[in-house]
PDB file of N, CA and C in Angstrom:
ATOM      1  N   MET A   1       3.575  -7.962  -1.987  1.00  0.00           N
ATOM      2  CA  MET A   1       4.284  -8.994  -1.293  1.00  0.00           C
ATOM      3  C   MET A   1       5.369  -9.610  -2.166  1.00  0.00           C
ATOM      4  N   TYR A   2       5.000  -9.969  -3.384  1.00  0.00           N
ATOM      5  CA  TYR A   2       5.921 -10.619  -4.240  1.00  0.00           C
ATOM      6  C   TYR A   2       7.052  -9.686  -4.660  1.00  0.00           C
ATOM      7  N   ALA A   3       6.731  -8.426  -4.879  1.00  0.00           N
ATOM      8  CA  ALA A   3       7.755  -7.440  -5.210  1.00  0.00           C
ATOM      9  C   ALA A   3       8.748  -7.255  -4.075  1.00  0.00           C
ATOM     10  N   ALA A   4       8.244  -7.236  -2.860  1.00  0.00           N
ATOM     11  CA  ALA A   4       9.089  -7.121  -1.642  1.00  0.00           C
ATOM     12  C   ALA A   4      10.039  -8.312  -1.582  1.00  0.00           C
ATOM     13  N   LEU A   5       9.461  -9.489  -1.771  1.00  0.00           N
ATOM     14  CA  LEU A   5      10.332 -10.765  -1.785  1.00  0.00           C
ATOM     15  C   LEU A   5      11.331 -10.669  -2.880  1.00  0.00           C
ATOM     16  N   TRP A   6      11.005 -10.248  -4.061  1.00  0.00           N
ATOM     17  CA  TRP A   6      11.937 -10.196  -5.189  1.00  0.00           C
ATOM     18  C   TRP A   6      13.067  -9.198  -4.792  1.00  0.00           C
ATOM     19  N   ARG A   7      12.766  -8.080  -4.167  1.00  0.00           N
ATOM     20  CA  ARG A   7      13.779  -7.046  -3.841  1.00  0.00           C
ATOM     21  C   ARG A   7      14.776  -7.539  -2.770  1.00  0.00           C
ATOM     22  N   ILE A   8      14.312  -8.380  -1.865  1.00  0.00           N
ATOM     23  CA  ILE A   8      15.223  -8.776  -0.740  1.00  0.00           C
ATOM     24  C   ILE A   8      16.081  -9.971  -1.149  1.00  0.00           C
ATOM     25  N   LEU A   9      15.789 -10.667  -2.283  1.00  0.00           N
ATOM     26  CA  LEU A   9      16.620 -11.754  -2.654  1.00  0.00           C
ATOM     27  C   LEU A   9      17.910 -11.248  -3.220  1.00  0.00           C
ATOM     28  N   PRO A  10      19.009 -11.928  -2.859  1.00  0.00           N
ATOM     29  CA  PRO A  10      20.337 -11.470  -3.313  1.00  0.00           C
ATOM     30  C   PRO A  10      20.660 -12.064  -4.692  1.00  0.00           C
ATOM     31  N   GLY A  11      21.577 -11.408  -5.344  1.00  0.00           N
ATOM     32  CA  GLY A  11      22.130 -11.892  -6.642  1.00  0.00           C
ATOM     33  C   GLY A  11      21.468 -11.440  -7.863  1.00  0.00           C
ATOM     34  N   PRO A  12      21.963 -11.978  -8.978  1.00  0.00           N
ATOM     35  CA  PRO A  12      21.381 -11.620 -10.307  1.00  0.00           C
ATOM     36  C   PRO A  12      20.096 -12.337 -10.476  1.00  0.00           C
ATOM     37  N   ILE A  13      19.405 -12.091 -11.624  1.00  0.00           N
ATOM     38  CA  ILE A  13      18.010 -12.579 -11.892  1.00  0.00           C
ATOM     39  C   ILE A  13      18.044 -14.119 -11.845  1.00  0.00           C
ATOM     40  N   TRP A  14      19.016 -14.755 -12.514  1.00  0.00           N
ATOM     41  CA  TRP A  14      19.000 -16.203 -12.601  1.00  0.00           C
ATOM     42  C   TRP A  14      19.090 -16.832 -11.191  1.00  0.00           C
ATOM     43  N   LEU A  15      19.862 -16.241 -10.296  1.00  0.00           N
ATOM     44  CA  LEU A  15      20.023 -16.743  -8.987  1.00  0.00           C
ATOM     45  C   LEU A  15      18.711 -16.529  -8.137  1.00  0.00           C
ATOM     46  N   ARG A  16      18.057 -15.432  -8.403  1.00  0.00           N
ATOM     47  CA  ARG A  16      16.766 -15.170  -7.686  1.00  0.00           C
ATOM     48  C   ARG A  16      15.752 -16.190  -8.125  1.00  0.00           C
ATOM     49  N   ILE A  17      15.688 -16.528  -9.430  1.00  0.00           N
ATOM     50  CA  ILE A  17      14.753 -17.503  -9.913  1.00  0.00           C
ATOM     51  C   ILE A  17      15.053 -18.892  -9.283  1.00  0.00           C
ATOM     52  N   VAL A  18      16.316 -19.250  -9.198  1.00  0.00           N
ATOM     53  CA  VAL A  18      16.651 -20.533  -8.556  1.00  0.00           C
ATOM     54  C   VAL A  18      16.213 -20.551  -7.108  1.00  0.00           C
ATOM     55  N   ILE A  19      16.466 -19.471  -6.399  1.00  0.00           N
ATOM     56  CA  ILE A  19      16.108 -19.399  -4.954  1.00  0.00           C
ATOM     57  C   ILE A  19      14.579 -19.530  -4.839  1.00  0.00           C
ATOM     58  N   LEU A  20      13.826 -18.862  -5.688  1.00  0.00           N
ATOM     59  CA  LEU A  20      12.341 -18.913  -5.608  1.00  0.00           C
ATOM     60  C   LEU A  20      11.854 -20.286  -5.917  1.00  0.00           C
ATOM     61  N   VAL A  21      12.468 -20.998  -6.860  1.00  0.00           N
ATOM     62  CA  VAL A  21      12.032 -22.368  -7.221  1.00  0.00           C
ATOM     63  C   VAL A  21      12.310 -23.293  -6.071  1.00  0.00           C
ATOM     64  N   VAL A  22      13.488 -23.147  -5.449  1.00  0.00           N
ATOM     65  CA  VAL A  22      13.798 -23.953  -4.243  1.00  0.00           C
ATOM     66  C   VAL A  22      12.803 -23.673  -3.097  1.00  0.00           C
ATOM     67  N   LEU A  23      12.535 -22.381  -2.894  1.00  0.00           N
ATOM     68  CA  LEU A  23      11.577 -22.050  -1.814  1.00  0.00           C
ATOM     69  C   LEU A  23      10.187 -22.632  -2.073  1.00  0.00           C
ATOM     70  N   LEU A  24       9.758 -22.562  -3.304  1.00  0.00           N
ATOM     71  CA  LEU A  24       8.444 -23.121  -3.698  1.00  0.00           C
ATOM     72  C   LEU A  24       8.440 -24.671  -3.449  1.00  0.00           C
ATOM     73  N   ALA A  25       9.560 -25.331  -3.843  1.00  0.00           N
ATOM     74  CA  ALA A  25       9.633 -26.733  -3.582  1.00  0.00           C
ATOM     75  C   ALA A  25       9.613 -27.078  -2.167  1.00  0.00           C
ATOM     76  N   VAL A  26      10.239 -26.281  -1.328  1.00  0.00           N
ATOM     77  CA  VAL A  26      10.268 -26.581   0.115  1.00  0.00           C
ATOM     78  C   VAL A  26       8.823 -26.321   0.722  1.00  0.00           C
ATOM     79  N   VAL A  27       8.179 -25.292   0.324  1.00  0.00           N
ATOM     80  CA  VAL A  27       6.842 -25.030   0.830  1.00  0.00           C
ATOM     81  C   VAL A  27       5.850 -26.102   0.412  1.00  0.00           C
ATOM     82  N   LEU A  28       5.925 -26.546  -0.839  1.00  0.00           N
ATOM     83  CA  LEU A  28       5.045 -27.554  -1.294  1.00  0.00           C
ATOM     84  C   LEU A  28       5.347 -28.925  -0.558  1.00  0.00           C
ATOM     85  N   THR A  29       6.591 -29.198  -0.337  1.00  0.00           N
ATOM     86  CA  THR A  29       6.962 -30.430   0.384  1.00  0.00           C
ATOM     87  C   THR A  29       6.432 -30.361   1.811  1.00  0.00           C
ATOM     88  N   VAL A  30       6.596 -29.296   2.524  1.00  0.00           N
ATOM     89  CA  VAL A  30       6.081 -29.178   3.863  1.00  0.00           C
ATOM     90  C   VAL A  30       4.568 -29.330   3.895  1.00  0.00           C
ATOM     91  N   LEU A  31       3.900 -28.733   2.886  1.00  0.00           N
ATOM     92  CA  LEU A  31       2.430 -28.876   2.829  1.00  0.00           C
ATOM     93  C   LEU A  31       2.003 -30.335   2.618  1.00  0.00           C
ATOM     94  N   VAL A  32       2.643 -31.026   1.714  1.00  0.00           N
ATOM     95  CA  VAL A  32       2.225 -32.361   1.378  1.00  0.00           C
ATOM     96  C   VAL A  32       2.683 -33.351   2.479  1.00  0.00           C
ATOM     97  N   MET A  33       3.787 -33.166   3.049  1.00  0.00           N
ATOM     98  CA  MET A  33       4.325 -34.162   4.049  1.00  0.00           C
ATOM     99  C   MET A  33       3.689 -33.983   5.420  1.00  0.00           C
ATOM    100  N   TRP A  34       3.407 -32.690   5.883  1.00  0.00           N
ATOM    101  CA  TRP A  34       2.984 -32.570   7.264  1.00  0.00           C
ATOM    102  C   TRP A  34       1.652 -31.804   7.412  1.00  0.00           C
ATOM    103  N   ILE A  35       1.365 -30.731   6.639  1.00  0.00           N
ATOM    104  CA  ILE A  35       0.203 -29.944   6.837  1.00  0.00           C
ATOM    105  C   ILE A  35      -1.076 -30.602   6.357  1.00  0.00           C
ATOM    106  N   PHE A  36      -1.048 -31.132   5.163  1.00  0.00           N
ATOM    107  CA  PHE A  36      -2.249 -31.812   4.594  1.00  0.00           C
ATOM    108  C   PHE A  36      -2.558 -33.040   5.385  1.00  0.00           C
ATOM    109  N   PRO A  37      -1.600 -33.934   5.749  1.00  0.00           N
ATOM    110  CA  PRO A  37      -2.032 -35.102   6.536  1.00  0.00           C
ATOM    111  C   PRO A  37      -2.555 -34.669   7.947  1.00  0.00           C
ATOM    112  N   TRP A  38      -2.068 -33.655   8.521  1.00  0.00           N
ATOM    113  CA  TRP A  38      -2.583 -33.133   9.805  1.00  0.00           C
ATOM    114  C   TRP A  38      -4.011 -32.618   9.682  1.00  0.00           C
ATOM    115  N   LEU A  39      -4.256 -31.880   8.562  1.00  0.00           N
ATOM    116  CA  LEU A  39      -5.614 -31.346   8.388  1.00  0.00           C
ATOM    117  C   LEU A  39      -6.618 -32.463   8.027  1.00  0.00           C
ATOM    118  N   ASN A  40      -6.135 -33.551   7.447  1.00  0.00           N
ATOM    119  CA  ASN A  40      -7.035 -34.661   7.061  1.00  0.00           C
ATOM    120  C   ASN A  40      -7.724 -35.273   8.317  1.00  0.00           C
ATOM    121  N   GLY A  41      -7.100 -35.140   9.471  1.00  0.00           N
ATOM    122  CA  GLY A  41      -7.734 -35.657  10.666  1.00  0.00           C
ATOM    123  C   GLY A  41      -8.944 -34.845  11.126  1.00  0.00           C
ATOM    124  N   PHE A  42      -9.038 -33.549  10.623  1.00  0.00           N
ATOM    125  CA  PHE A  42     -10.142 -32.715  10.973  1.00  0.00           C
ATOM    126  C   PHE A  42     -11.342 -32.738   9.990  1.00  0.00           C
ATOM    127  N   ILE A  43     -11.060 -33.321   8.845  1.00  0.00           N
ATOM    128  CA  ILE A  43     -12.062 -33.373   7.761  1.00  0.00           C
ATOM    129  C   ILE A  43     -12.763 -34.705   7.688  1.00  0.00           C
ATOM    130  N   ASN A  44     -14.010 -34.716   7.841  1.00  0.00           N
ATOM    131  CA  ASN A  44     -14.786 -35.907   7.781  1.00  0.00           C
ATOM    132  C   ASN A  44     -15.261 -36.083   6.271  1.00  0.00           C
ATOM    133  N   VAL A  45     -14.616 -37.044   5.586  1.00  0.00           N
ATOM    134  CA  VAL A  45     -14.876 -37.227   4.176  1.00  0.00           C
ATOM    135  C   VAL A  45     -16.283 -37.641   3.862  1.00  0.00           C
ATOM    136  N   SER A  46     -16.955 -38.311   4.788  1.00  0.00           N
ATOM    137  CA  SER A  46     -18.316 -38.791   4.508  1.00  0.00           C
ATOM    138  C   SER A  46     -19.315 -37.601   4.585  1.00  0.00           C
ATOM    139  N   ASP A  47     -18.904 -36.456   5.032  1.00  0.00           N
ATOM    140  CA  ASP A  47     -19.845 -35.287   5.149  1.00  0.00           C
ATOM    141  C   ASP A  47     -19.733 -34.363   3.943  1.00  0.00           C
ATOM    142  N   VAL A  48     -18.918 -34.762   2.960  1.00  0.00           N
ATOM    143  CA  VAL A  48     -18.729 -33.884   1.785  1.00  0.00           C
ATOM    144  C   VAL A  48     -19.898 -34.080   0.785  1.00  0.00           C
ATOM    145  N   THR A  49     -20.430 -32.951   0.280  1.00  0.00           N
ATOM    146  CA  THR A  49     -21.553 -32.977  -0.601  1.00  0.00           C
ATOM    147  C   THR A  49     -21.106 -32.303  -1.924  1.00  0.00           C
ATOM    148  N   VAL A  50     -21.319 -32.980  -3.027  1.00  0.00           N
ATOM    149  CA  VAL A  50     -20.956 -32.447  -4.272  1.00  0.00           C
ATOM    150  C   VAL A  50     -22.252 -32.253  -5.116  1.00  0.00           C
ATOM    151  N   LYS A  51     -22.529 -31.016  -5.545  1.00  0.00           N
ATOM    152  CA  LYS A  51     -23.746 -30.756  -6.338  1.00  0.00           C
ATOM    153  C   LYS A  51     -23.328 -30.521  -7.781  1.00  0.00           C
ATOM    154  N   ALA A  52     -24.059 -31.143  -8.657  1.00  0.00           N
ATOM    155  CA  ALA A  52     -23.717 -30.946 -10.123  1.00  0.00           C
ATOM    156  C   ALA A  52     -24.671 -29.942 -10.674  1.00  0.00           C
TER     157      ALA A  52
END
C-alpha cells in the first residue's frame, strides 16, 4: 500500500515527502478533532479494567 502511494505521488522525492507529511497532519487532525470525540460517546470509561 505504501509503495503504491509513493508511486502515485507527483514530483521529486523532497516534494513527495512534503505531501506525505501534510497528508499525515490532515489525517491526525481529523482523527483528533472529529473521530476520537465521536467514538468517546460509545466508550464507557467506568467499564475499563486494567490488570497489572
